[in-house]
C-alpha atoms as a PDB file:
ATOM      1  CA  MET A   1      -6.399  -4.891   9.433  1.00  0.00           C
ATOM      2  CA  THR A   2      -6.138  -1.264  10.539  1.00  0.00           C
ATOM      3  CA  SER A   3      -8.001  -0.865  13.824  1.00  0.00           C
ATOM      4  CA  HIS A   4      -7.140   2.630  15.048  1.00  0.00           C
ATOM      5  CA  LEU A   5      -8.630   5.179  12.670  1.00  0.00           C
ATOM      6  CA  PRO A   6      -8.467   8.981  12.490  1.00  0.00           C
ATOM      7  CA  SER A   7     -10.930  10.925  14.610  1.00  0.00           C
ATOM      8  CA  ASP A   8     -14.036  12.415  13.035  1.00  0.00           C
ATOM      9  CA  ALA A   9     -12.500  15.877  13.470  1.00  0.00           C
ATOM     10  CA  MET A  10      -9.353  14.935  11.551  1.00  0.00           C
ATOM     11  CA  LEU A  11     -11.352  13.165   8.862  1.00  0.00           C
ATOM     12  CA  ALA A  12     -13.725  16.120   8.484  1.00  0.00           C
ATOM     13  CA  ALA A  13     -10.831  18.554   8.094  1.00  0.00           C
ATOM     14  CA  PHE A  14      -9.295  16.329   5.421  1.00  0.00           C
ATOM     15  CA  ALA A  15     -12.614  15.834   3.612  1.00  0.00           C
ATOM     16  CA  SER A  16     -13.296  19.584   3.551  1.00  0.00           C
ATOM     17  CA  GLY A  17      -9.783  20.521   2.437  1.00  0.00           C
ATOM     18  CA  THR A  18      -9.052  22.468   5.629  1.00  0.00           C
ATOM     19  CA  ALA A  19      -6.471  20.061   7.088  1.00  0.00           C
ATOM     20  CA  THR A  20      -2.965  21.420   7.598  1.00  0.00           C
ATOM     21  CA  PRO A  21      -0.345  20.307   5.038  1.00  0.00           C
ATOM     22  CA  GLY A  22       1.162  17.849   7.510  1.00  0.00           C
ATOM     23  CA  VAL A  23      -2.166  16.289   8.462  1.00  0.00           C
ATOM     24  CA  ASP A  24      -3.114  16.147   4.778  1.00  0.00           C
ATOM     25  CA  LEU A  25       0.068  14.151   4.058  1.00  0.00           C
ATOM     26  CA  LEU A  26      -0.586  11.869   7.022  1.00  0.00           C
ATOM     27  CA  MET A  27      -4.179  11.221   5.946  1.00  0.00           C
ATOM     28  CA  ARG A  28      -3.264  10.515   2.324  1.00  0.00           C
ATOM     29  CA  SER A  29      -0.555   8.124   3.511  1.00  0.00           C
ATOM     30  CA  HIS A  30      -3.009   6.410   5.870  1.00  0.00           C
ATOM     31  CA  LEU A  31      -5.549   5.908   3.074  1.00  0.00           C
ATOM     32  CA  ALA A  32      -2.846   4.536   0.769  1.00  0.00           C
ATOM     33  CA  ILE A  33      -1.986   1.901   3.379  1.00  0.00           C
ATOM     34  CA  ALA A  34      -5.594   1.177   4.342  1.00  0.00           C
ATOM     35  CA  PRO A  35      -7.835   2.008   1.362  1.00  0.00           C
ATOM     36  CA  HIS A  36     -10.796   0.267   3.026  1.00  0.00           C
ATOM     37  CA  CYS A  37     -10.865   3.186   5.481  1.00  0.00           C
ATOM     38  CA  ALA A  38     -11.957   5.477   2.651  1.00  0.00           C
ATOM     39  CA  GLU A  39     -15.575   4.426   3.250  1.00  0.00           C
ATOM     40  CA  ARG A  40     -15.818   6.803   6.228  1.00  0.00           C
ATOM     41  CA  LEU A  41     -14.302   9.564   4.118  1.00  0.00           C
ATOM     42  CA  ASP A  42     -16.810   8.962   1.308  1.00  0.00           C
ATOM     43  CA  LEU A  43     -19.673   9.066   3.797  1.00  0.00           C
ATOM     44  CA  MET A  44     -18.442  12.323   5.300  1.00  0.00           C
ATOM     45  CA  GLN A  45     -18.060  13.882   1.847  1.00  0.00           C
ATOM     46  CA  ASP A  46     -21.594  12.754   0.950  1.00  0.00           C
ATOM     47  CA  VAL A  47     -22.937  14.387   4.105  1.00  0.00           C
ATOM     48  CA  GLY A  48     -21.021  17.561   3.327  1.00  0.00           C
ATOM     49  CA  GLY A  49     -22.403  17.573  -0.205  1.00  0.00           C
ATOM     50  CA  ALA A  50     -25.949  17.173   1.101  1.00  0.00           C
ATOM     51  CA  LEU A  51     -25.470  20.077   3.499  1.00  0.00           C
ATOM     52  CA  LEU A  52     -24.207  22.263   0.665  1.00  0.00           C
ATOM     53  CA  HIS A  53     -27.174  21.226  -1.474  1.00  0.00           C
ATOM     54  CA  ASP A  54     -29.578  22.368   1.244  1.00  0.00           C
ATOM     55  CA  ALA A  55     -27.727  25.616   1.945  1.00  0.00           C
ATOM     56  CA  PRO A  56     -29.151  28.932   0.648  1.00  0.00           C
ATOM     57  CA  ALA A  57     -27.979  29.889  -2.821  1.00  0.00           C
ATOM     58  CA  VAL A  58     -25.218  32.487  -3.023  1.00  0.00           C
ATOM     59  CA  SER A  59     -24.652  34.704  -6.050  1.00  0.00           C
ATOM     60  CA  LEU A  60     -21.331  34.201  -7.825  1.00  0.00           C
ATOM     61  CA  ALA A  61     -19.240  36.805  -9.539  1.00  0.00           C
ATOM     62  CA  LYS A  62     -19.969  37.169 -13.268  1.00  0.00           C
ATOM     63  CA  ASP A  63     -16.542  35.839 -14.224  1.00  0.00           C
ATOM     64  CA  ALA A  64     -16.510  32.965 -11.687  1.00  0.00           C
ATOM     65  CA  LEU A  65     -17.077  30.240 -14.302  1.00  0.00           C
ATOM     66  CA  ASN A  66     -14.434  31.589 -16.681  1.00  0.00           C
ATOM     67  CA  ARG A  67     -11.880  31.906 -13.876  1.00  0.00           C
ATOM     68  CA  THR A  68     -12.580  28.356 -12.722  1.00  0.00           C
ATOM     69  CA  LEU A  69     -12.233  26.923 -16.232  1.00  0.00           C
ATOM     70  CA  THR A  70      -9.015  28.867 -16.775  1.00  0.00           C
ATOM     71  CA  ARG A  71      -7.600  27.548 -13.511  1.00  0.00           C
ATOM     72  CA  LEU A  72      -8.509  23.966 -14.445  1.00  0.00           C
ATOM     73  CA  ASP A  73      -6.787  24.370 -17.822  1.00  0.00           C
ATOM     74  CA  THR A  74      -3.690  25.710 -16.069  1.00  0.00           C
ATOM     75  CA  LEU A  75      -3.571  22.827 -13.599  1.00  0.00           C
ATOM     76  CA  GLU A  76      -3.976  20.309 -16.418  1.00  0.00           C
ATOM     77  CA  ALA A  77      -1.130  21.908 -18.363  1.00  0.00           C
ATOM     78  CA  GLU A  78       1.113  21.911 -15.279  1.00  0.00           C
ATOM     79  CA  GLN A  79       0.501  18.220 -14.539  1.00  0.00           C
ATOM     80  CA  PRO A  80       3.396  16.171 -15.973  1.00  0.00           C
ATOM     81  CA  GLU A  81       2.658  12.831 -17.587  1.00  0.00           C
ATOM     82  CA  ASP A  82       3.248   9.489 -15.893  1.00  0.00           C
ATOM     83  CA  THR A  83       3.977  10.998 -12.485  1.00  0.00           C
ATOM     84  CA  ALA A  84       1.680   8.836 -10.375  1.00  0.00           C
ATOM     85  CA  PRO A  85       3.626   8.162  -7.165  1.00  0.00           C
ATOM     86  CA  GLU A  86       4.529   4.611  -6.260  1.00  0.00           C
ATOM     87  CA  PRO A  87       5.125   3.045  -2.839  1.00  0.00           C
ATOM     88  CA  LEU A  88       8.779   2.796  -1.838  1.00  0.00           C
ATOM     89  CA  GLY A  89       9.430  -0.028   0.601  1.00  0.00           C
ATOM     90  CA  ILE A  90       7.446   0.731   3.762  1.00  0.00           C
ATOM     91  CA  LEU A  91       6.632   4.215   2.469  1.00  0.00           C
ATOM     92  CA  PRO A  92       3.112   4.636   1.050  1.00  0.00           C
ATOM     93  CA  ALA A  93       2.980   6.415  -2.301  1.00  0.00           C
ATOM     94  CA  PRO A  94       2.116   9.945  -1.018  1.00  0.00           C
ATOM     95  CA  LEU A  95       4.979   9.915   1.479  1.00  0.00           C
ATOM     96  CA  ALA A  96       7.381   8.326  -1.009  1.00  0.00           C
ATOM     97  CA  ALA A  97       6.606  11.141  -3.454  1.00  0.00           C
ATOM     98  CA  VAL A  98       7.552  13.736  -0.828  1.00  0.00           C
ATOM     99  CA  LEU A  99      10.753  12.020   0.325  1.00  0.00           C
ATOM    100  CA  GLY A 100      11.932  10.753  -3.047  1.00  0.00           C
ATOM    101  CA  ARG A 101      14.113   8.022  -1.521  1.00  0.00           C
ATOM    102  CA  PRO A 102      13.833   4.983   0.754  1.00  0.00           C
ATOM    103  CA  VAL A 103      14.158   5.270   4.516  1.00  0.00           C
ATOM    104  CA  ASP A 104      17.646   3.739   4.510  1.00  0.00           C
ATOM    105  CA  ASP A 105      18.920   6.676   2.441  1.00  0.00           C
ATOM    106  CA  LEU A 106      17.590   9.411   4.753  1.00  0.00           C
ATOM    107  CA  HIS A 107      19.909  11.420   6.999  1.00  0.00           C
ATOM    108  CA  TRP A 108      18.619  10.355  10.403  1.00  0.00           C
ATOM    109  CA  GLN A 109      19.375  12.443  13.485  1.00  0.00           C
ATOM    110  CA  PHE A 110      20.021  10.847  16.882  1.00  0.00           C
ATOM    111  CA  ARG A 111      17.458  11.778  19.530  1.00  0.00           C
ATOM    112  CA  LEU A 112      17.670   9.102  22.258  1.00  0.00           C
ATOM    113  CA  PRO A 113      19.227   5.635  22.460  1.00  0.00           C
ATOM    114  CA  GLY A 114      17.354   3.587  19.878  1.00  0.00           C
ATOM    115  CA  LEU A 115      15.485   6.644  18.524  1.00  0.00           C
ATOM    116  CA  HIS A 116      16.346   8.624  15.386  1.00  0.00           C
ATOM    117  CA  GLU A 117      14.378  11.335  13.613  1.00  0.00           C
ATOM    118  CA  TYR A 118      14.191  12.736  10.092  1.00  0.00           C
ATOM    119  CA  VAL A 119      12.571  16.175   9.867  1.00  0.00           C
ATOM    120  CA  LEU A 120      10.539  17.056   6.766  1.00  0.00           C
ATOM    121  CA  GLU A 121      11.086  20.676   5.796  1.00  0.00           C
ATOM    122  CA  GLY A 122       8.760  23.181   4.172  1.00  0.00           C
ATOM    123  CA  TYR A 123       5.655  22.838   6.311  1.00  0.00           C
ATOM    124  CA  SER A 124       3.652  25.688   7.793  1.00  0.00           C
ATOM    125  CA  GLU A 125       4.925  27.591  10.804  1.00  0.00           C
ATOM    126  CA  GLY A 126       3.809  25.949  14.023  1.00  0.00           C
ATOM    127  CA  GLU A 127       3.579  22.492  12.454  1.00  0.00           C
ATOM    128  CA  ASP A 128       6.381  19.944  12.801  1.00  0.00           C
ATOM    129  CA  VAL A 129       6.396  16.949  10.461  1.00  0.00           C
ATOM    130  CA  SER A 130       8.943  14.179  10.911  1.00  0.00           C
ATOM    131  CA  LEU A 131       9.682  10.489  10.581  1.00  0.00           C
ATOM    132  CA  LEU A 132      10.716   8.489  13.623  1.00  0.00           C
ATOM    133  CA  ARG A 133      12.835   5.341  13.510  1.00  0.00           C
ATOM    134  CA  ALA A 134      12.809   3.341  16.745  1.00  0.00           C
ATOM    135  CA  ARG A 135      14.358   0.035  17.684  1.00  0.00           C
ATOM    136  CA  PRO A 136      12.471  -2.642  19.649  1.00  0.00           C
ATOM    137  CA  GLY A 137      12.504  -1.851  23.346  1.00  0.00           C
ATOM    138  CA  ALA A 138      13.050   1.870  22.815  1.00  0.00           C
ATOM    139  CA  GLY A 139      10.658   4.324  24.392  1.00  0.00           C
ATOM    140  CA  MET A 140       9.921   8.011  24.298  1.00  0.00           C
ATOM    141  CA  LEU A 141      10.157  10.166  27.385  1.00  0.00           C
ATOM    142  CA  GLN A 142       6.987  10.781  29.389  1.00  0.00           C
ATOM    143  CA  HIS A 143       5.292  13.850  27.932  1.00  0.00           C
ATOM    144  CA  THR A 144       2.120  15.733  27.119  1.00  0.00           C
ATOM    145  CA  HIS A 145       1.468  18.403  24.476  1.00  0.00           C
ATOM    146  CA  HIS A 146       0.924  22.133  24.119  1.00  0.00           C
ATOM    147  CA  GLY A 147      -0.896  21.405  20.859  1.00  0.00           C
ATOM    148  CA  GLU A 148      -1.927  18.261  19.006  1.00  0.00           C
ATOM    149  CA  GLU A 149       0.011  15.221  17.824  1.00  0.00           C
ATOM    150  CA  ALA A 150      -0.944  12.667  15.186  1.00  0.00           C
ATOM    151  CA  THR A 151       1.117   9.524  14.597  1.00  0.00           C
ATOM    152  CA  LEU A 152       0.813   7.124  11.650  1.00  0.00           C
ATOM    153  CA  ILE A 153       2.555   3.771  12.041  1.00  0.00           C
ATOM    154  CA  LEU A 154       4.415   2.795   8.860  1.00  0.00           C
ATOM    155  CA  SER A 155       5.938  -0.452  10.137  1.00  0.00           C
ATOM    156  CA  GLY A 156       6.584  -2.278  13.376  1.00  0.00           C
ATOM    157  CA  GLU A 157       4.581  -2.037  16.567  1.00  0.00           C
ATOM    158  CA  MET A 158       4.153   0.739  19.131  1.00  0.00           C
ATOM    159  CA  THR A 159       2.300   0.539  22.443  1.00  0.00           C
ATOM    160  CA  ASP A 160       0.802   3.667  23.996  1.00  0.00           C
ATOM    161  CA  GLY A 161      -0.822   2.861  27.328  1.00  0.00           C
ATOM    162  CA  ASP A 162      -3.245   0.017  26.633  1.00  0.00           C
ATOM    163  CA  THR A 163      -3.290   0.707  22.891  1.00  0.00           C
ATOM    164  CA  VAL A 164      -1.206  -1.386  20.487  1.00  0.00           C
ATOM    165  CA  LEU A 165      -0.555   0.317  17.148  1.00  0.00           C
ATOM    166  CA  ARG A 166       0.580  -1.362  13.935  1.00  0.00           C
ATOM    167  CA  ARG A 167       0.995  -0.438  10.262  1.00  0.00           C
ATOM    168  CA  GLY A 168      -1.718   1.939   9.082  1.00  0.00           C
ATOM    169  CA  ASP A 169      -2.946   2.794  12.583  1.00  0.00           C
ATOM    170  CA  ILE A 170      -3.272   6.412  13.702  1.00  0.00           C
ATOM    171  CA  ALA A 171      -2.888   7.710  17.258  1.00  0.00           C
ATOM    172  CA  GLU A 172      -3.898  11.218  18.305  1.00  0.00           C
ATOM    173  CA  ALA A 173      -2.866  13.056  21.473  1.00  0.00           C
ATOM    174  CA  ASP A 174      -3.202  16.550  22.927  1.00  0.00           C
ATOM    175  CA  GLY A 175      -2.821  18.366  26.235  1.00  0.00           C
ATOM    176  CA  ASP A 176      -5.209  15.933  27.913  1.00  0.00           C
ATOM    177  CA  HIS A 177      -2.851  13.023  27.221  1.00  0.00           C
ATOM    178  CA  ASP A 178       0.201  12.311  29.377  1.00  0.00           C
ATOM    179  CA  HIS A 179       1.886   9.311  27.812  1.00  0.00           C
ATOM    180  CA  ARG A 180       5.092   7.398  27.127  1.00  0.00           C
ATOM    181  CA  PRO A 181       4.851   5.404  23.883  1.00  0.00           C
ATOM    182  CA  ARG A 182       7.271   2.502  23.543  1.00  0.00           C
ATOM    183  CA  ILE A 183       8.275   0.055  20.816  1.00  0.00           C
ATOM    184  CA  THR A 184       7.003  -3.429  21.584  1.00  0.00           C
ATOM    185  CA  GLY A 185       7.351  -5.342  18.329  1.00  0.00           C
ATOM    186  CA  ASP A 186      10.239  -7.473  17.117  1.00  0.00           C
ATOM    187  CA  GLY A 187      11.255  -5.138  14.298  1.00  0.00           C
ATOM    188  CA  ILE A 188      12.191  -1.508  13.827  1.00  0.00           C
ATOM    189  CA  CYS A 189       9.204   0.824  14.049  1.00  0.00           C
ATOM    190  CA  TYR A 190       8.879   3.667  11.555  1.00  0.00           C
ATOM    191  CA  CYS A 191       6.178   6.279  11.970  1.00  0.00           C
ATOM    192  CA  LEU A 192       5.123   9.640  10.567  1.00  0.00           C
ATOM    193  CA  ILE A 193       4.461  12.253  13.255  1.00  0.00           C
ATOM    194  CA  VAL A 194       2.684  15.596  12.810  1.00  0.00           C
ATOM    195  CA  MET A 195       2.674  18.029  15.735  1.00  0.00           C
ATOM    196  CA  SER A 196       1.220  21.482  16.295  1.00  0.00           C
ATOM    197  CA  GLY A 197       2.834  23.067  19.320  1.00  0.00           C
ATOM    198  CA  LYS A 198       5.621  21.519  21.347  1.00  0.00           C
ATOM    199  CA  MET A 199       5.899  18.561  23.667  1.00  0.00           C
ATOM    200  CA  ARG A 200       6.022  19.191  27.401  1.00  0.00           C
ATOM    201  CA  PHE A 201       8.004  16.598  29.318  1.00  0.00           C
ATOM    202  CA  THR A 202       6.416  15.389  32.544  1.00  0.00           C
ATOM    203  CA  GLY A 203       8.718  12.614  33.775  1.00  0.00           C
ATOM    204  CA  PRO A 204      12.013  12.724  35.701  1.00  0.00           C
ATOM    205  CA  PHE A 205      14.168  15.771  34.931  1.00  0.00           C
ATOM    206  CA  SER A 206      11.216  17.303  33.073  1.00  0.00           C
ATOM    207  CA  ARG A 207      11.983  20.833  34.278  1.00  0.00           C
ATOM    208  CA  ALA A 208      15.459  20.704  32.760  1.00  0.00           C
ATOM    209  CA  LEU A 209      14.297  18.953  29.584  1.00  0.00           C
ATOM    210  CA  ASN A 210      11.553  21.513  28.953  1.00  0.00           C
ATOM    211  CA  LEU A 211      14.180  24.247  28.734  1.00  0.00           C
ATOM    212  CA  PHE A 212      15.203  22.765  25.378  1.00  0.00           C
ATOM    213  CA  THR A 213      11.733  22.442  23.825  1.00  0.00           C
END
């Protein structure tokens, strides 16, 4: 059972359609793994709908309805048939649709002993989206953040401080967090990471390491 859920702020951004592309992918992947977590999303959307219902009426342009119907027709015509994404191994359907291949076929880049990364291209400037593959016993360097970081566990087990994260769990960190996540399970840990801003290393040799971030 998923026990570490997205924050209200992340969920609200996703529900309102204002989440960044990377966070949107992470949230859709999370909900595909843990569909029972959609209850919070439904509640937030209901609250948002009620707030809109109570808001003052705003006049629309005369052609607003026609433009909306035209756009819907265009989207329907552009939607190919039988393209519903399917899970691919440990990859939930939304992430599998983006990658198009299983994790074993990705071109992983070495980062640290036991740690490899696959960077997803095409996301907005200032947002880094990547997959991390980590062997049991591996750990990341001590660091904090200039922006925000969201991590979705796809398989395996990661421990961050006193928090143990498993498949479907989400961890969030920002400049107030100084941490060193490590892999504590028996199997390889795969996770999806979305970052705005860069990491700032705080452990040994941090001054030298930060020159390369």
